[in-house]
N, C-alpha and C. Protein backbone atom coordinates (compact mmCIF):
# COMPACT_ATOMS: atom_id res chain seq x y z
N MET A 1 -9.68 -8.07 -47.80
CA MET A 1 -9.30 -9.09 -48.60
C MET A 1 -7.61 -9.00 -47.89
N GLY A 2 -7.05 -7.83 -47.90
CA GLY A 2 -5.94 -7.96 -47.28
C GLY A 2 -5.98 -8.18 -45.32
N SER A 3 -6.40 -7.64 -44.52
CA SER A 3 -6.52 -7.65 -43.90
C SER A 3 -6.91 -8.98 -42.96
N GLU A 4 -8.17 -9.90 -43.79
CA GLU A 4 -8.16 -11.15 -43.63
C GLU A 4 -6.73 -11.83 -43.74
N GLN A 5 -6.21 -11.28 -44.87
CA GLN A 5 -4.67 -12.05 -45.01
C GLN A 5 -3.55 -12.07 -44.32
N SER A 6 -4.25 -10.86 -43.60
CA SER A 6 -2.67 -10.13 -42.66
C SER A 6 -3.02 -10.82 -41.33
N GLY A 7 -4.76 -11.30 -41.07
CA GLY A 7 -4.93 -11.59 -39.75
C GLY A 7 -4.90 -13.37 -39.33
N ALA A 8 -4.31 -13.43 -41.11
CA ALA A 8 -4.25 -15.36 -40.36
C ALA A 8 -2.73 -15.44 -40.88
N ALA A 9 -1.89 -14.76 -41.61
CA ALA A 9 -0.54 -14.81 -41.23
C ALA A 9 -0.24 -14.22 -39.61
N ALA A 10 -0.50 -13.72 -39.13
CA ALA A 10 -0.43 -13.19 -37.54
C ALA A 10 -0.92 -14.42 -37.18
N GLU A 11 -2.06 -15.27 -37.18
CA GLU A 11 -2.08 -16.48 -36.50
C GLU A 11 -0.94 -17.42 -37.41
N ASP A 12 -0.59 -17.50 -38.42
CA ASP A 12 0.57 -18.40 -38.00
C ASP A 12 1.71 -17.85 -37.38
N ARG A 13 1.89 -17.36 -36.88
CA ARG A 13 3.60 -17.27 -36.27
C ARG A 13 3.06 -16.63 -34.88
N ARG A 14 1.29 -17.01 -34.72
CA ARG A 14 1.96 -16.57 -32.87
C ARG A 14 0.62 -17.90 -32.59
N ARG A 15 0.90 -18.75 -31.24
CA ARG A 15 0.06 -20.08 -31.98
C ARG A 15 -0.07 -20.46 -29.93
N ARG A 16 -1.75 -20.51 -29.66
CA ARG A 16 -1.35 -20.44 -28.08
C ARG A 16 -1.79 -21.68 -27.49
N TRP A 17 -0.90 -22.44 -26.74
CA TRP A 17 -1.35 -24.07 -25.77
C TRP A 17 -1.97 -24.42 -24.24
N PRO A 18 -2.90 -24.57 -24.08
CA PRO A 18 -3.13 -25.03 -22.31
C PRO A 18 -2.39 -26.19 -22.41
N VAL A 19 -1.56 -26.14 -21.67
CA VAL A 19 -0.45 -27.64 -20.95
C VAL A 19 -0.34 -27.56 -19.39
N ASP A 20 -1.70 -28.74 -18.49
CA ASP A 20 -2.26 -28.84 -17.99
C ASP A 20 -1.59 -31.12 -17.25
N ALA A 21 -0.97 -31.15 -16.33
CA ALA A 21 -0.34 -32.28 -15.44
C ALA A 21 -0.64 -32.34 -14.15
N SER A 22 -0.92 -33.14 -13.43
CA SER A 22 -1.21 -33.26 -12.11
C SER A 22 -0.09 -34.98 -12.11
N SER A 23 -0.30 -34.61 -10.64
CA SER A 23 0.95 -36.21 -10.17
C SER A 23 0.94 -36.09 -8.92
N CYS A 24 1.24 -37.14 -8.19
CA CYS A 24 0.84 -37.74 -6.94
C CYS A 24 3.10 -37.83 -6.44
N ARG A 25 3.49 -37.05 -6.07
CA ARG A 25 4.94 -37.49 -5.69
C ARG A 25 5.33 -37.91 -4.68
N SER A 26 6.11 -39.36 -4.49
CA SER A 26 6.10 -40.17 -3.42
C SER A 26 6.52 -38.89 -1.83
N ALA A 27 7.28 -37.63 -2.57
CA ALA A 27 7.82 -36.32 -1.25
C ALA A 27 6.83 -36.12 -0.66
N PRO A 28 7.16 -36.45 1.04
CA PRO A 28 6.05 -35.26 1.55
C PRO A 28 6.29 -33.54 1.37
N ILE A 29 5.01 -33.35 0.99
CA ILE A 29 4.91 -31.81 0.76
C ILE A 29 6.31 -30.97 1.21
N GLU A 30 6.11 -30.91 2.48
CA GLU A 30 7.79 -29.53 2.44
C GLU A 30 8.50 -29.65 2.00
N THR A 31 9.48 -31.47 1.42
CA THR A 31 10.48 -32.07 0.44
C THR A 31 9.85 -31.37 -0.42
N ALA A 32 9.10 -31.70 -0.81
CA ALA A 32 8.14 -31.64 -2.92
C ALA A 32 8.04 -29.74 -2.72
N TRP A 33 8.00 -28.82 -1.79
CA TRP A 33 7.91 -28.04 -1.89
C TRP A 33 9.79 -26.83 -2.03
N ALA A 34 9.70 -27.33 -1.12
CA ALA A 34 11.77 -26.59 -1.05
C ALA A 34 12.36 -27.60 -2.46
N TYR A 35 12.02 -28.83 -2.67
CA TYR A 35 12.68 -28.80 -4.58
C TYR A 35 12.05 -28.10 -5.02
N LEU A 36 11.26 -27.87 -5.45
CA LEU A 36 10.38 -26.39 -6.81
C LEU A 36 10.23 -25.41 -6.66
N LEU A 37 10.70 -24.54 -4.59
CA LEU A 37 11.79 -24.17 -5.23
C LEU A 37 13.52 -23.60 -5.55
N ASP A 38 14.22 -25.05 -5.30
CA ASP A 38 15.46 -25.16 -5.90
C ASP A 38 15.38 -24.90 -7.64
N VAL A 39 16.27 -23.90 -8.00
CA VAL A 39 15.78 -23.18 -9.59
C VAL A 39 16.53 -24.41 -10.11
N ARG A 40 17.95 -24.15 -9.22
CA ARG A 40 19.14 -25.91 -10.59
C ARG A 40 18.59 -27.04 -10.41
N LYS A 41 17.99 -27.57 -9.05
CA LYS A 41 17.86 -28.51 -9.17
C LYS A 41 17.02 -29.15 -9.95
N VAL A 42 15.67 -28.30 -10.44
CA VAL A 42 14.22 -28.32 -11.35
C VAL A 42 14.88 -28.37 -12.67
N ALA A 43 15.65 -27.60 -12.99
CA ALA A 43 16.33 -26.78 -14.51
C ALA A 43 17.41 -28.01 -14.67
N SER A 44 18.03 -28.92 -14.07
CA SER A 44 18.39 -30.14 -14.69
C SER A 44 17.18 -30.65 -15.17
N CYS A 45 16.55 -31.09 -14.72
CA CYS A 45 14.93 -31.28 -14.88
C CYS A 45 13.83 -31.47 -16.45
N VAL A 46 14.42 -30.34 -16.43
CA VAL A 46 13.61 -29.67 -18.13
C VAL A 46 14.33 -30.57 -19.62
N PRO A 47 14.48 -31.11 -20.07
CA PRO A 47 14.01 -31.99 -21.08
C PRO A 47 15.14 -30.40 -21.61
N GLY A 48 16.13 -30.66 -22.11
CA GLY A 48 17.01 -30.25 -23.45
C GLY A 48 17.46 -28.35 -23.04
N GLY A 49 16.89 -28.52 -21.54
CA GLY A 49 17.16 -27.05 -20.83
C GLY A 49 18.48 -27.25 -20.04
N SER A 50 18.78 -25.80 -19.41
CA SER A 50 20.50 -25.66 -19.21
C SER A 50 20.13 -24.07 -18.07
N LEU A 51 20.22 -24.52 -17.42
CA LEU A 51 20.53 -22.60 -16.28
C LEU A 51 21.44 -22.03 -16.49
N THR A 52 21.76 -20.57 -16.81
CA THR A 52 23.08 -20.18 -16.84
C THR A 52 23.41 -18.85 -16.86
N GLU A 53 22.45 -18.43 -15.96
CA GLU A 53 22.74 -17.14 -15.51
C GLU A 53 21.76 -17.25 -13.27
N VAL A 54 22.34 -16.93 -12.40
CA VAL A 54 21.62 -16.85 -12.20
C VAL A 54 21.13 -14.88 -11.40
N VAL A 55 20.34 -14.59 -11.93
CA VAL A 55 19.66 -13.59 -11.20
C VAL A 55 19.75 -12.95 -9.98
N ASP A 56 18.71 -13.43 -9.47
CA ASP A 56 18.48 -12.98 -8.28
C ASP A 56 18.09 -14.23 -7.62
N ASP A 57 16.94 -14.32 -6.42
CA ASP A 57 16.71 -15.65 -5.62
C ASP A 57 15.48 -15.72 -6.36
N HIS A 58 15.10 -15.18 -7.86
CA HIS A 58 14.04 -15.72 -7.76
C HIS A 58 13.95 -15.20 -9.72
N THR A 59 14.88 -15.32 -10.55
CA THR A 59 15.20 -15.11 -11.49
C THR A 59 16.40 -15.46 -12.33
N TYR A 60 15.86 -16.73 -13.31
CA TYR A 60 17.27 -17.44 -13.48
C TYR A 60 16.95 -17.69 -15.24
N ASP A 61 17.90 -16.58 -15.98
CA ASP A 61 18.00 -16.82 -17.46
C ASP A 61 18.84 -18.25 -17.48
N GLY A 62 18.34 -19.35 -18.97
CA GLY A 62 18.57 -19.62 -19.59
C GLY A 62 18.64 -20.54 -21.21
N LYS A 63 18.46 -21.76 -21.33
CA LYS A 63 18.08 -22.09 -22.63
C LYS A 63 17.87 -23.23 -22.61
N ILE A 64 16.59 -23.41 -23.60
CA ILE A 64 16.08 -25.43 -24.35
C ILE A 64 16.34 -25.28 -26.01
N GLU A 65 16.61 -26.32 -26.52
CA GLU A 65 16.46 -27.00 -27.49
C GLU A 65 15.17 -27.47 -27.18
N ILE A 66 14.36 -27.67 -28.38
CA ILE A 66 12.93 -28.71 -28.50
C ILE A 66 13.39 -28.88 -29.67
N ARG A 67 12.88 -30.28 -30.07
CA ARG A 67 12.12 -30.77 -30.95
C ARG A 67 11.10 -31.22 -31.14
N LEU A 68 10.95 -30.71 -33.06
CA LEU A 68 8.93 -30.60 -33.26
C LEU A 68 9.13 -30.75 -34.71
N GLY A 69 8.33 -32.45 -34.58
CA GLY A 69 8.95 -32.89 -35.99
C GLY A 69 10.45 -32.84 -36.57
N PRO A 70 10.09 -32.20 -37.57
CA PRO A 70 11.97 -32.64 -38.81
C PRO A 70 12.31 -31.27 -37.86
N ILE A 71 12.26 -30.22 -37.41
CA ILE A 71 13.43 -29.35 -36.87
C ILE A 71 12.88 -29.70 -35.43
N ALA A 72 14.27 -28.98 -35.09
CA ALA A 72 15.24 -28.71 -33.77
C ALA A 72 14.98 -26.95 -33.12
N VAL A 73 14.73 -25.95 -32.77
CA VAL A 73 14.90 -25.12 -31.90
C VAL A 73 15.88 -25.07 -31.09
N SER A 74 16.19 -23.87 -30.39
CA SER A 74 16.61 -22.92 -29.80
C SER A 74 16.05 -21.55 -28.99
N TYR A 75 15.91 -22.12 -28.22
CA TYR A 75 15.69 -20.45 -27.27
C TYR A 75 16.40 -20.46 -26.09
N ARG A 76 16.66 -18.44 -25.75
CA ARG A 76 17.68 -18.87 -24.51
C ARG A 76 16.73 -17.18 -23.69
N GLY A 77 15.96 -17.91 -22.83
CA GLY A 77 15.92 -16.40 -22.19
C GLY A 77 15.96 -16.40 -20.45
N ARG A 78 14.68 -15.67 -20.54
CA ARG A 78 14.45 -15.90 -18.87
C ARG A 78 12.89 -16.77 -17.93
N VAL A 79 13.25 -17.03 -16.74
CA VAL A 79 12.06 -17.10 -15.98
C VAL A 79 12.38 -16.87 -14.90
N THR A 80 11.67 -16.77 -14.17
CA THR A 80 10.58 -15.66 -12.58
C THR A 80 10.42 -16.67 -12.24
N LEU A 81 10.05 -16.74 -10.90
CA LEU A 81 8.96 -17.15 -9.37
C LEU A 81 8.11 -15.93 -9.43
N GLN A 82 6.87 -15.87 -8.77
CA GLN A 82 6.41 -15.20 -8.34
C GLN A 82 5.19 -15.70 -8.19
N ASN A 83 4.34 -14.52 -6.94
CA ASN A 83 3.31 -14.88 -6.64
C ASN A 83 3.83 -16.15 -5.17
N ILE A 84 4.79 -16.31 -5.23
CA ILE A 84 5.07 -17.61 -4.40
C ILE A 84 4.28 -17.39 -2.84
N ASP A 85 3.35 -18.19 -2.47
CA ASP A 85 2.86 -18.16 -0.88
C ASP A 85 2.89 -19.43 -0.66
N ALA A 86 3.97 -19.77 0.07
CA ALA A 86 4.92 -21.38 0.79
C ALA A 86 3.53 -21.28 1.84
N ASP A 87 2.32 -21.01 2.54
CA ASP A 87 2.12 -21.48 3.17
C ASP A 87 0.53 -22.18 2.60
N GLY A 88 0.49 -21.89 1.28
CA GLY A 88 -0.36 -22.99 0.52
C GLY A 88 0.43 -23.59 -0.68
N HIS A 89 1.62 -23.79 -0.94
CA HIS A 89 2.88 -24.12 -1.70
C HIS A 89 1.84 -24.35 -3.19
N ARG A 90 1.82 -22.89 -3.41
CA ARG A 90 2.20 -22.46 -4.30
C ARG A 90 2.74 -21.69 -5.45
N LEU A 91 3.06 -20.69 -6.62
CA LEU A 91 3.61 -19.99 -6.95
C LEU A 91 3.30 -20.12 -8.77
N GLU A 92 3.86 -19.24 -9.10
CA GLU A 92 3.55 -18.75 -10.92
C GLU A 92 4.59 -18.51 -11.25
N ILE A 93 5.30 -19.21 -12.14
CA ILE A 93 6.14 -19.24 -13.00
C ILE A 93 6.29 -18.72 -14.64
N LYS A 94 6.66 -17.80 -13.79
CA LYS A 94 7.25 -16.95 -15.96
C LYS A 94 8.48 -17.28 -16.40
N ALA A 95 8.14 -17.94 -18.03
CA ALA A 95 8.78 -17.83 -18.75
C ALA A 95 9.10 -16.96 -20.32
N GLN A 96 9.83 -16.37 -20.47
CA GLN A 96 9.35 -15.45 -21.69
C GLN A 96 11.52 -16.53 -22.81
N GLY A 97 11.49 -16.35 -23.73
CA GLY A 97 12.43 -16.38 -24.43
C GLY A 97 12.30 -15.94 -25.72
N VAL A 98 13.57 -15.89 -26.54
CA VAL A 98 13.58 -15.77 -28.50
C VAL A 98 14.56 -16.55 -28.75
N GLU A 99 13.98 -17.07 -29.51
CA GLU A 99 14.81 -17.77 -31.01
C GLU A 99 16.64 -17.62 -30.69
N SER A 100 17.58 -18.75 -30.68
CA SER A 100 18.25 -18.20 -30.77
C SER A 100 19.23 -17.94 -31.65
N ARG A 101 18.10 -18.35 -32.63
CA ARG A 101 18.47 -18.08 -34.40
C ARG A 101 17.29 -18.35 -35.25
N GLY A 102 16.57 -16.58 -35.86
CA GLY A 102 15.46 -16.70 -35.77
C GLY A 102 14.54 -14.92 -35.07
N ARG A 103 13.22 -15.27 -35.54
CA ARG A 103 12.63 -14.16 -35.65
C ARG A 103 11.44 -14.36 -34.08
N GLY A 104 11.42 -15.59 -33.68
CA GLY A 104 10.26 -16.08 -32.58
C GLY A 104 10.54 -16.33 -31.48
N GLY A 105 10.00 -16.37 -31.18
CA GLY A 105 9.92 -16.29 -29.54
C GLY A 105 8.64 -17.26 -28.54
N ALA A 106 8.89 -18.00 -27.39
CA ALA A 106 7.98 -18.15 -26.74
C ALA A 106 7.24 -18.08 -25.56
N SER A 107 6.36 -17.93 -24.51
CA SER A 107 6.75 -17.56 -23.55
C SER A 107 5.44 -18.58 -22.84
N SER A 108 5.68 -18.89 -21.53
CA SER A 108 4.78 -19.51 -21.09
C SER A 108 4.47 -18.34 -19.12
N THR A 109 3.16 -19.32 -18.62
CA THR A 109 2.81 -18.59 -17.54
C THR A 109 1.94 -20.04 -16.93
N THR A 110 2.75 -20.79 -15.22
CA THR A 110 2.88 -21.42 -15.37
C THR A 110 1.85 -21.83 -13.28
N THR A 111 0.91 -21.80 -13.09
CA THR A 111 0.93 -22.01 -11.97
C THR A 111 1.18 -23.62 -11.25
N ALA A 112 1.65 -23.49 -9.99
CA ALA A 112 1.72 -24.77 -9.71
C ALA A 112 0.95 -24.77 -7.74
N GLU A 113 0.81 -25.72 -7.92
CA GLU A 113 0.08 -26.05 -6.74
C GLU A 113 0.00 -27.05 -5.60
N LEU A 114 0.33 -27.23 -4.56
CA LEU A 114 0.71 -28.86 -3.76
C LEU A 114 0.02 -28.46 -2.84
N THR A 115 -0.15 -30.03 -2.91
CA THR A 115 -0.73 -30.41 -1.22
C THR A 115 -1.18 -31.80 -0.98
N PRO A 116 -1.04 -32.30 -0.23
CA PRO A 116 -0.97 -33.31 0.86
C PRO A 116 -1.84 -34.87 0.33
N SER A 117 -1.24 -35.26 -0.09
CA SER A 117 -2.31 -36.46 0.02
C SER A 117 -0.99 -37.91 0.35
N ASP A 118 -1.79 -39.18 0.33
CA ASP A 118 -2.22 -40.86 0.89
C ASP A 118 -0.61 -40.64 0.73
N ALA A 119 0.05 -40.57 -0.71
CA ALA A 119 0.91 -41.19 -1.23
C ALA A 119 2.36 -40.27 -1.01
N GLY A 120 1.56 -39.43 -0.87
CA GLY A 120 3.20 -38.03 -0.18
C GLY A 120 2.85 -36.75 -0.80
N THR A 121 2.63 -36.10 -2.28
CA THR A 121 2.56 -35.40 -2.53
C THR A 121 1.63 -34.95 -3.79
N SER A 122 0.26 -34.29 -3.84
CA SER A 122 -0.10 -34.27 -5.35
C SER A 122 0.61 -32.61 -5.64
N VAL A 123 0.84 -33.23 -7.08
CA VAL A 123 0.93 -31.85 -8.41
C VAL A 123 0.39 -31.36 -9.51
N VAL A 124 0.03 -29.90 -9.57
CA VAL A 124 -1.46 -30.13 -9.83
C VAL A 124 -0.57 -28.28 -10.83
N MET A 125 0.13 -28.84 -12.20
CA MET A 125 0.57 -27.42 -12.59
C MET A 125 -0.13 -26.87 -14.35
N SER A 126 -0.42 -25.66 -14.42
CA SER A 126 -1.90 -25.44 -15.33
C SER A 126 0.01 -23.83 -16.19
N SER A 127 -0.26 -24.43 -17.49
CA SER A 127 0.18 -23.57 -18.48
C SER A 127 0.04 -23.44 -19.17
N ASP A 128 0.30 -22.00 -19.85
CA ASP A 128 -0.48 -21.34 -20.95
C ASP A 128 0.52 -21.23 -21.56
N LEU A 129 0.82 -22.23 -22.94
CA LEU A 129 2.15 -21.72 -23.34
C LEU A 129 1.89 -21.00 -25.04
N GLN A 130 2.25 -20.25 -25.06
CA GLN A 130 2.82 -19.20 -26.21
C GLN A 130 3.67 -19.75 -27.54
N VAL A 131 3.77 -19.05 -28.33
CA VAL A 131 4.51 -18.97 -29.33
C VAL A 131 4.58 -18.70 -30.58
N SER A 132 5.96 -18.09 -30.94
CA SER A 132 5.66 -17.24 -32.35
C SER A 132 6.79 -17.35 -33.50
N GLY A 133 6.38 -16.99 -35.08
CA GLY A 133 7.63 -16.88 -35.85
C GLY A 133 7.45 -18.79 -36.07
N VAL A 134 7.92 -19.46 -36.86
CA VAL A 134 8.14 -20.20 -37.94
C VAL A 134 7.73 -21.34 -37.22
N VAL A 135 7.88 -21.95 -35.74
CA VAL A 135 6.90 -22.62 -34.65
C VAL A 135 5.59 -22.97 -34.35
N ALA A 136 5.24 -21.78 -34.55
CA ALA A 136 3.96 -21.67 -34.35
C ALA A 136 2.75 -22.53 -35.28
N GLN A 137 3.98 -22.75 -36.99
CA GLN A 137 2.47 -23.07 -37.51
C GLN A 137 2.88 -25.14 -37.38
N PHE A 138 3.19 -25.08 -36.68
CA PHE A 138 3.35 -26.85 -35.91
C PHE A 138 2.06 -26.75 -34.82
N GLY A 139 2.04 -25.98 -34.48
CA GLY A 139 0.05 -26.25 -33.92
C GLY A 139 -0.99 -26.72 -34.49
N ARG A 140 -0.57 -26.74 -36.11
CA ARG A 140 -2.09 -26.72 -36.45
C ARG A 140 -1.84 -28.37 -36.74
N SER A 141 -1.06 -28.83 -36.30
CA SER A 141 -0.99 -30.69 -36.66
C SER A 141 -1.39 -30.94 -35.44
N GLY A 142 -0.87 -30.18 -34.30
CA GLY A 142 -0.99 -31.13 -33.27
C GLY A 142 0.37 -31.56 -32.26
N ILE A 143 1.33 -31.16 -32.98
CA ILE A 143 2.94 -31.16 -32.93
C ILE A 143 2.91 -30.68 -31.35
N MET A 144 2.38 -29.91 -31.74
CA MET A 144 3.23 -28.77 -30.33
C MET A 144 2.20 -29.22 -29.28
N GLN A 145 1.43 -29.97 -29.00
CA GLN A 145 0.49 -30.55 -27.84
C GLN A 145 1.47 -31.84 -27.44
N GLU A 146 1.73 -31.97 -28.51
CA GLU A 146 2.26 -33.48 -27.76
C GLU A 146 3.30 -33.15 -27.85
N VAL A 147 4.10 -32.44 -28.63
CA VAL A 147 5.70 -32.50 -27.44
C VAL A 147 6.20 -31.61 -26.21
N ALA A 148 4.22 -31.10 -25.51
CA ALA A 148 4.35 -29.96 -24.78
C ALA A 148 4.36 -31.52 -23.66
N GLN A 149 3.04 -31.67 -23.75
CA GLN A 149 2.62 -32.62 -23.28
C GLN A 149 4.09 -34.41 -23.05
N ARG A 150 4.53 -33.93 -23.67
CA ARG A 150 6.10 -35.38 -23.36
C ARG A 150 7.06 -34.80 -22.98
N LEU A 151 7.25 -33.55 -23.28
CA LEU A 151 8.18 -32.95 -22.27
C LEU A 151 7.73 -32.74 -20.23
N THR A 152 6.49 -32.88 -20.69
CA THR A 152 5.97 -32.54 -18.64
C THR A 152 6.18 -33.84 -18.73
N GLN A 153 5.87 -35.01 -18.93
CA GLN A 153 5.67 -36.26 -18.65
C GLN A 153 7.66 -36.74 -17.94
N ARG A 154 8.40 -36.04 -19.12
CA ARG A 154 9.48 -36.53 -18.60
C ARG A 154 10.04 -35.42 -17.47
N PHE A 155 9.67 -34.33 -16.94
CA PHE A 155 10.56 -33.42 -16.28
C PHE A 155 9.96 -33.62 -15.69
N GLY A 156 8.41 -34.67 -14.87
CA GLY A 156 7.98 -35.19 -14.24
C GLY A 156 8.61 -36.19 -13.65
N SER A 157 9.19 -37.12 -15.10
CA SER A 157 9.53 -38.80 -14.24
C SER A 157 11.03 -38.19 -13.93
N CYS A 158 11.98 -37.16 -14.19
CA CYS A 158 13.02 -36.80 -13.40
C CYS A 158 12.72 -36.05 -11.82
N VAL A 159 12.16 -35.10 -11.93
CA VAL A 159 11.48 -35.10 -10.67
C VAL A 159 11.35 -36.03 -10.00
N GLU A 160 10.89 -36.48 -10.18
CA GLU A 160 10.07 -37.60 -8.97
C GLU A 160 11.50 -39.20 -8.54
N GLN A 161 12.12 -39.23 -9.69
CA GLN A 161 14.38 -39.56 -8.97
C GLN A 161 14.55 -39.36 -8.14
N GLN A 162 14.81 -37.98 -8.50
CA GLN A 162 15.87 -36.87 -8.02
C GLN A 162 14.79 -37.29 -6.83
N LEU A 163 13.55 -36.88 -6.22
CA LEU A 163 12.59 -37.05 -5.21
C LEU A 163 13.55 -38.11 -4.23
N LYS A 164 12.95 -39.24 -5.13
CA LYS A 164 13.23 -40.83 -4.48
C LYS A 164 14.85 -40.54 -3.84
N ALA A 165 15.55 -40.10 -4.83
CA ALA A 165 16.70 -40.37 -4.90
C ALA A 165 17.50 -39.64 -3.26
N ALA A 166 17.02 -38.72 -2.86
CA ALA A 166 16.93 -37.82 -2.01
C ALA A 166 16.57 -38.78 -0.82
N ALA A 167 15.32 -38.88 -1.33
CA ALA A 167 14.68 -40.04 0.29
C ALA A 167 15.74 -40.42 0.81
N THR A 168 15.87 -41.35 -0.19
CA THR A 168 16.78 -42.43 0.08
C THR A 168 18.52 -42.35 0.62
N ALA A 169 19.34 -40.89 0.59
CA ALA A 169 20.46 -40.41 0.91
C ALA A 169 20.03 -39.83 1.91
N GLY A 170 19.22 -39.25 2.16
CA GLY A 170 19.01 -38.79 3.77
C GLY A 170 17.65 -39.05 4.74
């Protein structure tokens, strides 16, 4: 019985969700690819997020605050771009952070792939999000999945606006 309880407690402290999104951007693929590699621009579109330090060309530190139902949680952590395939317009984004207050954490691995489309560029992003700590309990009610999808939609809208503004200015 003790191991069942400790297993249940571990489940409460760590949860995993897939978060997938696909969209079409009006920008040509090379413009969208260059944008995706410019982490400063991308970070400005992450709802509640900010870039705090550029460690090197592929590693960045930052922070993010999100609302989950009745609580707000802040994380500080590191984002790394890896497995960059410029010819295939594909990359992997790894993020890992810890709660600013509390003992929880969050990590994600996101694969982004861009392909040309009639409207400009098709973008497919597939993420595996994992959280631990008190925030993990929000997964039971679906709040975490809902928040992740909403943040992904807001991020995509911001990226589209920035790409349109760049096309108009350039």
